[in-house]
Amino acid sequence: MNGRFLVTGGAGYVGSHLVADLCDQGAQVVVLDDFSTGHREALPEAARLITGSLGDAAALAAAFAEGPFDAVFHFAARSLVGESMRVPLDYFRANVGHGLALIDAAVAHGVRRFVLSSTASLFGEAAEIPITEASPLQPSSPYGESKLMLERALFWADRVHGLKSACLRYFNAAGADPAGRLGEDHRPETHLIPLAIDAALGLGPELTIFGTDHPTPDGTCIRDYIHVSDLARAHLAALARLEGGSVAYNLGTGHGHSVRAVIAAVERVSGRAVPARAGPRRPGDPPILVASPARIQAETSWRPRFPDLHEIVRTAHAWRRDHPKGYAPNNT
């Protein structure tokens, strides 16, 4: 792939998978990351690294000095729904304030394309499942609200300045690089699949099921799990689509799985029981989030390569089994 790209948060979970894809295809990649949640070890040697936060004007200027860029991919954000319910202003400051600084810099430096890592949290407790791009936007958390505000800013950046954007509304990113190079290593970890795997492997405490009385068939939350490598590929598909104008896409498989179904999949893959206990619901947690990926499939060539929950869990388990300390050294 020809081109030069800026990736914010490129050392994080989804961002690192995109950076690997870009570098594999021969693109020139500049990563801006402060390693608040990302890992230097997740970056390929071919990527140029600028260490710093979007809130640091000098770091942002240094990143754009590496241009000109054919596009900006924006992953850097705070992304914990529960945490955002406790410190909402921190989320608006980090996600909206810093995001606006990035958009402003992109416009000032003549960037024409921008791809935003957005979220299914925009939809809150959706009345209709699966959720389409036409579903009402009604965030039930400050995290979701902060992403919606960025989407609106990008709408106006296009209308006024011609910055074409793709807003990619992730459902639940999961899994790991099938080649074993990259995986999920959050500290603290909050995602269901790695927490269940750690519980099964004895690398973490028993799993807490947040709510067993949701209005779902087995009482636990239902989510659409999309493989992280499929998410990375969707960014490239959306980037190509920007030649026809700005877009917003829901990224999922169209199939939901309950917490109990995920636990069962982890037990099948690992051959071990997942110690678990019931806990209270989390504020801002919708009972069901399942995407309709029909629009991106109709408008691009993208299709998920790993739509099966078993395969998603298998790659996540393989990464964690081989990297019990994540990206920390001395994993053996």
Protein backbone atom coordinates (compact mmCIF):
# COMPACT_ATOMS: atom_id res chain seq x y z
CA MET A 1 0.00 0.00 0.00
CA ASN A 2 1.30 3.43 -0.93
CA GLY A 3 0.82 6.33 1.41
CA ARG A 4 1.85 7.91 4.68
CA PHE A 5 -0.47 7.73 7.67
CA LEU A 6 -0.70 9.12 11.20
CA VAL A 7 -2.16 6.70 13.75
CA THR A 8 -2.99 8.07 17.19
CA GLY A 9 -3.12 5.41 19.89
CA GLY A 10 -1.36 3.06 17.49
CA ALA A 11 0.24 1.10 20.33
CA GLY A 12 -3.15 0.14 21.74
CA TYR A 13 -5.20 -2.98 21.16
CA VAL A 14 -7.02 -2.20 17.91
CA GLY A 15 -4.59 0.47 16.77
CA SER A 16 -1.60 -1.88 16.88
CA HIS A 17 -3.39 -4.39 14.66
CA LEU A 18 -4.04 -1.66 12.08
CA VAL A 19 -0.43 -0.44 12.29
CA ALA A 20 0.79 -4.00 11.68
CA ASP A 21 -1.49 -4.31 8.63
CA LEU A 22 -0.34 -1.00 7.20
CA CYS A 23 3.34 -1.85 7.70
CA ASP A 24 2.82 -5.34 6.24
CA GLN A 25 1.46 -3.66 3.11
CA GLY A 26 4.42 -1.30 2.80
CA ALA A 27 2.79 1.91 4.01
CA GLN A 28 4.72 4.56 5.94
CA VAL A 29 3.26 4.86 9.43
CA VAL A 30 3.77 7.46 12.14
CA VAL A 31 2.34 6.56 15.56
CA LEU A 32 1.50 9.12 18.24
CA ASP A 33 1.00 7.41 21.61
CA ASP A 34 1.61 8.27 25.24
CA PHE A 35 1.49 4.61 26.37
CA SER A 36 -1.15 5.31 28.96
CA THR A 37 -2.85 2.13 27.77
CA GLY A 38 -0.72 1.02 24.80
CA HIS A 39 2.54 -0.93 24.65
CA ARG A 40 5.74 -0.03 22.84
CA GLU A 41 6.32 -3.75 22.25
CA ALA A 42 3.17 -3.89 20.11
CA LEU A 43 4.68 -1.63 17.45
CA PRO A 44 6.62 -2.99 14.46
CA GLU A 45 10.09 -1.62 13.85
CA ALA A 46 8.92 -0.07 10.59
CA ALA A 47 6.60 2.36 12.38
CA ARG A 48 7.93 5.81 13.30
CA LEU A 49 7.04 6.64 16.91
CA ILE A 50 6.28 10.04 18.43
CA THR A 51 5.81 9.64 22.19
CA GLY A 52 3.26 12.01 23.65
CA SER A 53 -0.36 12.84 24.27
CA LEU A 54 -2.85 14.62 22.04
CA GLY A 55 -3.14 17.07 24.91
CA ASP A 56 0.52 18.00 24.44
CA ALA A 57 0.70 20.67 21.75
CA ALA A 58 4.41 20.04 21.16
CA ALA A 59 3.88 16.30 20.62
CA LEU A 60 0.99 16.96 18.25
CA ALA A 61 3.11 19.44 16.28
CA ALA A 62 5.97 16.93 16.14
CA ALA A 63 3.65 14.27 14.79
CA PHE A 64 2.30 16.47 11.99
CA ALA A 65 5.85 17.59 11.16
CA GLU A 66 6.37 13.99 9.99
CA GLY A 67 3.76 14.53 7.26
CA PRO A 68 2.21 15.26 4.89
CA PHE A 69 -0.26 12.49 5.62
CA ASP A 70 -2.71 10.81 3.31
CA ALA A 71 -5.01 10.13 6.27
CA VAL A 72 -5.27 10.17 10.05
CA PHE A 73 -6.52 7.16 12.00
CA HIS A 74 -7.68 8.22 15.45
CA PHE A 75 -7.74 5.53 18.17
CA ALA A 76 -6.41 7.42 21.19
CA ALA A 77 -9.20 7.78 23.76
CA ARG A 78 -10.44 6.81 27.19
CA SER A 79 -12.94 4.02 26.64
CA LEU A 80 -14.34 2.53 29.86
CA VAL A 81 -18.10 2.97 30.17
CA GLY A 82 -18.17 2.41 33.93
CA GLU A 83 -15.28 4.78 34.57
CA SER A 84 -16.93 7.45 32.46
CA MET A 85 -19.98 7.30 34.73
CA ARG A 86 -17.72 8.21 37.67
CA VAL A 87 -15.54 10.88 36.02
CA PRO A 88 -17.56 12.23 33.08
CA LEU A 89 -15.68 15.50 32.75
CA ASP A 90 -12.38 13.64 32.42
CA TYR A 91 -13.86 11.80 29.44
CA PHE A 92 -15.04 14.97 27.74
CA ARG A 93 -11.66 16.58 28.35
CA ALA A 94 -9.67 13.63 26.96
CA ASN A 95 -11.93 12.41 24.19
CA VAL A 96 -13.59 15.59 23.00
CA GLY A 97 -11.00 18.21 23.86
CA HIS A 98 -8.03 16.25 22.58
CA GLY A 99 -9.99 14.93 19.62
CA LEU A 100 -10.88 18.46 18.55
CA ALA A 101 -7.21 19.44 18.75
CA LEU A 102 -6.38 16.55 16.41
CA ILE A 103 -9.13 17.44 13.93
CA ASP A 104 -8.03 21.06 13.96
CA ALA A 105 -4.42 20.06 13.28
CA ALA A 106 -5.51 17.73 10.47
CA VAL A 107 -7.43 20.56 8.80
CA ALA A 108 -4.53 23.00 9.28
CA HIS A 109 -2.09 20.57 7.66
CA GLY A 110 -4.27 19.80 4.67
CA VAL A 111 -5.20 16.23 5.57
CA ARG A 112 -8.17 15.15 3.45
CA ARG A 113 -9.23 11.87 5.13
CA PHE A 114 -9.87 10.99 8.78
CA VAL A 115 -10.96 7.63 10.27
CA LEU A 116 -12.43 7.71 13.78
CA SER A 117 -12.54 4.81 16.20
CA SER A 118 -16.10 5.33 17.46
CA THR A 119 -18.38 3.05 19.47
CA ALA A 120 -21.68 1.19 19.66
CA SER A 121 -22.20 3.02 22.94
CA LEU A 122 -23.69 5.79 20.81
CA PHE A 123 -26.91 3.78 20.61
CA GLY A 124 -27.56 3.26 24.33
CA GLU A 125 -30.41 0.82 24.93
CA ALA A 126 -31.49 0.41 21.33
CA ALA A 127 -35.16 -0.37 20.75
CA GLU A 128 -34.48 -2.50 17.65
CA ILE A 129 -31.93 -5.27 17.19
CA PRO A 130 -29.79 -5.56 15.12
CA ILE A 131 -28.71 -1.94 15.31
CA THR A 132 -28.36 -0.09 12.01
CA GLU A 133 -26.75 3.22 11.22
CA ALA A 134 -30.28 4.69 11.13
CA SER A 135 -30.97 3.68 14.74
CA PRO A 136 -31.41 6.62 17.15
CA LEU A 137 -28.21 7.97 18.67
CA GLN A 138 -28.90 8.10 22.40
CA PRO A 139 -25.75 7.45 24.44
CA SER A 140 -26.31 6.12 27.95
CA SER A 141 -22.82 7.04 29.21
CA PRO A 142 -20.43 9.99 29.03
CA TYR A 143 -18.08 7.76 27.03
CA GLY A 144 -20.69 7.26 24.32
CA GLU A 145 -21.63 10.94 24.45
CA SER A 146 -18.00 11.97 23.97
CA LYS A 147 -17.72 9.89 20.80
CA LEU A 148 -20.98 11.30 19.46
CA MET A 149 -19.64 14.81 19.98
CA LEU A 150 -16.55 13.93 17.93
CA GLU A 151 -18.71 12.48 15.16
CA ARG A 152 -20.64 15.75 15.01
CA ALA A 153 -17.40 17.75 14.93
CA LEU A 154 -16.25 15.66 11.97
CA PHE A 155 -19.55 16.28 10.20
CA TRP A 156 -18.91 20.02 10.36
CA ALA A 157 -15.21 19.63 9.52
CA ASP A 158 -16.35 17.98 6.28
CA ARG A 159 -19.05 20.53 5.54
CA VAL A 160 -16.85 23.55 6.19
CA HIS A 161 -13.32 22.32 5.45
CA GLY A 162 -13.81 19.27 3.20
CA LEU A 163 -12.25 16.79 5.66
CA LYS A 164 -13.81 13.46 4.67
CA SER A 165 -14.33 11.12 7.61
CA ALA A 166 -15.32 7.56 8.42
CA CYS A 167 -16.87 7.05 11.85
CA LEU A 168 -16.52 3.38 12.72
CA ARG A 169 -18.85 2.30 15.50
CA TYR A 170 -17.21 -0.74 17.05
CA PHE A 171 -19.26 -3.31 18.80
CA ASN A 172 -17.07 -5.62 20.97
CA ALA A 173 -13.49 -5.95 19.76
CA ALA A 174 -12.04 -9.35 20.67
CA GLY A 175 -9.49 -11.94 19.68
CA ALA A 176 -5.84 -11.58 18.72
CA ASP A 177 -3.60 -11.52 15.67
CA PRO A 178 -3.90 -15.00 14.11
CA ALA A 179 -0.13 -15.01 13.55
CA GLY A 180 0.42 -14.57 17.29
CA ARG A 181 2.28 -11.26 17.06
CA LEU A 182 -0.27 -9.11 18.89
CA GLY A 183 -2.99 -9.48 21.47
CA GLU A 184 -5.06 -7.85 24.16
CA ASP A 185 -3.20 -6.47 27.17
CA HIS A 186 -5.17 -3.86 29.10
CA ARG A 187 -4.15 -2.86 32.61
CA PRO A 188 -6.51 -3.24 34.30
CA GLU A 189 -8.32 -5.60 31.97
CA THR A 190 -12.06 -4.97 31.66
CA HIS A 191 -13.10 -6.99 28.60
CA LEU A 192 -15.03 -10.21 29.08
CA ILE A 193 -13.12 -12.66 26.89
CA PRO A 194 -9.60 -12.01 28.29
CA LEU A 195 -10.98 -11.91 31.83
CA ALA A 196 -12.66 -15.27 31.31
CA ILE A 197 -9.49 -16.71 29.78
CA ASP A 198 -7.36 -15.45 32.68
CA ALA A 199 -9.80 -16.99 35.16
CA ALA A 200 -9.62 -20.32 33.32
CA LEU A 201 -5.80 -20.27 33.11
CA GLY A 202 -5.38 -19.22 36.73
CA LEU A 203 -3.81 -15.92 35.68
CA GLY A 204 -6.52 -13.81 37.30
CA PRO A 205 -9.36 -13.89 39.81
CA GLU A 206 -12.71 -15.51 39.26
CA LEU A 207 -14.86 -13.84 36.66
CA THR A 208 -17.62 -11.46 37.78
CA ILE A 209 -20.81 -11.61 35.71
CA PHE A 210 -22.26 -8.10 35.84
CA GLY A 211 -25.95 -8.77 36.06
CA THR A 212 -27.83 -12.04 35.74
CA ASP A 213 -31.28 -10.43 35.59
CA HIS A 214 -31.08 -8.60 32.27
CA PRO A 215 -34.05 -8.98 29.87
CA THR A 216 -32.22 -11.62 27.81
CA PRO A 217 -32.79 -15.38 27.45
CA ASP A 218 -30.22 -16.35 30.11
CA GLY A 219 -30.26 -13.09 32.08
CA THR A 220 -26.78 -11.97 31.02
CA CYS A 221 -25.77 -9.23 28.59
CA ILE A 222 -25.60 -10.06 24.90
CA ARG A 223 -22.87 -8.55 22.74
CA ASP A 224 -21.67 -8.73 19.15
CA TYR A 225 -18.00 -9.80 19.23
CA ILE A 226 -15.90 -8.80 16.23
CA HIS A 227 -12.37 -10.04 15.69
CA VAL A 228 -9.76 -7.32 16.10
CA SER A 229 -8.12 -8.25 12.79
CA ASP A 230 -11.46 -7.80 11.04
CA LEU A 231 -11.76 -4.39 12.69
CA ALA A 232 -8.34 -3.39 11.37
CA ARG A 233 -9.30 -4.44 7.85
CA ALA A 234 -12.54 -2.47 8.10
CA HIS A 235 -10.52 0.72 8.66
CA LEU A 236 -8.77 0.22 5.33
CA ALA A 237 -12.03 -0.56 3.56
CA ALA A 238 -13.62 2.58 5.01
CA LEU A 239 -10.59 4.67 4.05
CA ALA A 240 -10.96 3.64 0.40
CA ARG A 241 -14.69 4.41 0.54
CA LEU A 242 -14.00 8.04 1.51
CA GLU A 243 -13.38 8.84 -2.13
CA GLY A 244 -17.18 8.86 -2.37
CA GLY A 245 -17.76 11.04 0.71
CA SER A 246 -17.94 10.74 4.47
CA VAL A 247 -19.48 7.61 6.00
CA ALA A 248 -20.52 6.05 9.30
CA TYR A 249 -20.46 2.27 9.68
CA ASN A 250 -21.50 -0.16 12.39
CA LEU A 251 -18.80 -2.82 12.76
CA GLY A 252 -19.93 -6.19 14.04
CA THR A 253 -20.89 -9.62 12.77
CA GLY A 254 -24.65 -9.34 13.16
CA HIS A 255 -24.69 -12.13 15.75
CA GLY A 256 -24.91 -11.72 19.54
CA HIS A 257 -23.54 -13.95 22.30
CA SER A 258 -24.42 -13.82 25.98
CA VAL A 259 -21.89 -13.70 28.80
CA ARG A 260 -22.72 -17.31 29.62
CA ALA A 261 -22.18 -18.31 25.97
CA VAL A 262 -18.74 -16.66 26.05
CA ILE A 263 -17.86 -18.51 29.25
CA ALA A 264 -18.88 -21.79 27.62
CA ALA A 265 -16.72 -21.01 24.56
CA VAL A 266 -13.70 -20.25 26.74
CA GLU A 267 -14.22 -23.53 28.60
CA ARG A 268 -14.36 -25.47 25.32
CA VAL A 269 -11.24 -23.83 23.91
CA SER A 270 -9.17 -23.98 27.10
CA GLY A 271 -10.41 -27.34 28.36
CA ARG A 272 -10.78 -25.74 31.79
CA ALA A 273 -13.63 -24.43 33.90
CA VAL A 274 -14.08 -20.66 34.24
CA PRO A 275 -14.58 -19.78 37.94
CA ALA A 276 -17.36 -17.18 37.99
CA ARG A 277 -19.72 -15.41 40.36
CA ALA A 278 -22.76 -13.20 39.86
CA GLY A 279 -22.43 -9.48 40.53
CA PRO A 280 -24.65 -6.40 40.17
CA ARG A 281 -25.35 -4.71 36.87
CA ARG A 282 -22.97 -1.95 35.78
CA PRO A 283 -24.41 1.54 35.28
CA GLY A 284 -24.78 2.42 31.61
CA ASP A 285 -24.60 -1.20 30.41
CA PRO A 286 -27.31 -1.93 27.78
CA PRO A 287 -28.64 -5.52 27.90
CA ILE A 288 -28.21 -6.16 24.16
CA LEU A 289 -25.86 -4.66 21.56
CA VAL A 290 -25.80 -6.41 18.19
CA ALA A 291 -24.80 -4.70 14.95
CA SER A 292 -26.14 -4.83 11.46
CA PRO A 293 -23.00 -4.69 9.27
CA ALA A 294 -25.16 -4.51 6.12
CA ARG A 295 -24.11 -0.99 5.12
CA ILE A 296 -20.34 -1.53 5.11
CA GLN A 297 -20.84 -4.86 3.35
CA ALA A 298 -22.98 -3.21 0.68
CA GLU A 299 -20.65 -0.27 0.12
CA THR A 300 -17.24 -1.97 0.39
CA SER A 301 -15.69 -5.40 -0.13
CA TRP A 302 -15.28 -5.91 3.64
CA ARG A 303 -16.55 -9.11 5.23
CA PRO A 304 -15.49 -10.54 8.61
CA ARG A 305 -12.99 -13.37 8.16
CA PHE A 306 -13.44 -14.57 11.73
CA PRO A 307 -17.19 -14.31 12.48
CA ASP A 308 -17.29 -17.44 14.65
CA LEU A 309 -17.09 -16.93 18.44
CA HIS A 310 -15.03 -20.12 18.85
CA GLU A 311 -12.35 -18.80 16.47
CA ILE A 312 -12.30 -15.41 18.19
CA VAL A 313 -11.83 -17.08 21.57
CA ARG A 314 -9.23 -19.48 20.14
CA THR A 315 -6.95 -16.66 18.95
CA ALA A 316 -7.40 -14.75 22.22
CA HIS A 317 -6.61 -17.88 24.23
CA ALA A 318 -3.52 -18.68 22.15
CA TRP A 319 -2.14 -15.18 22.71
CA ARG A 320 -2.74 -15.27 26.46
CA ARG A 321 -1.42 -18.80 26.83
CA ASP A 322 1.81 -17.83 25.05
CA HIS A 323 2.02 -14.37 26.68
CA PRO A 324 0.77 -14.82 30.26
CA LYS A 325 2.25 -11.43 31.19
CA GLY A 326 1.01 -9.72 28.06
CA TYR A 327 3.66 -7.50 26.53
CA ALA A 328 5.76 -7.53 29.69
CA PRO A 329 9.21 -9.14 29.28
CA ASN A 330 10.07 -12.64 30.46
CA ASN A 331 6.81 -14.29 29.45
CA THR A 332 8.27 -17.78 29.57
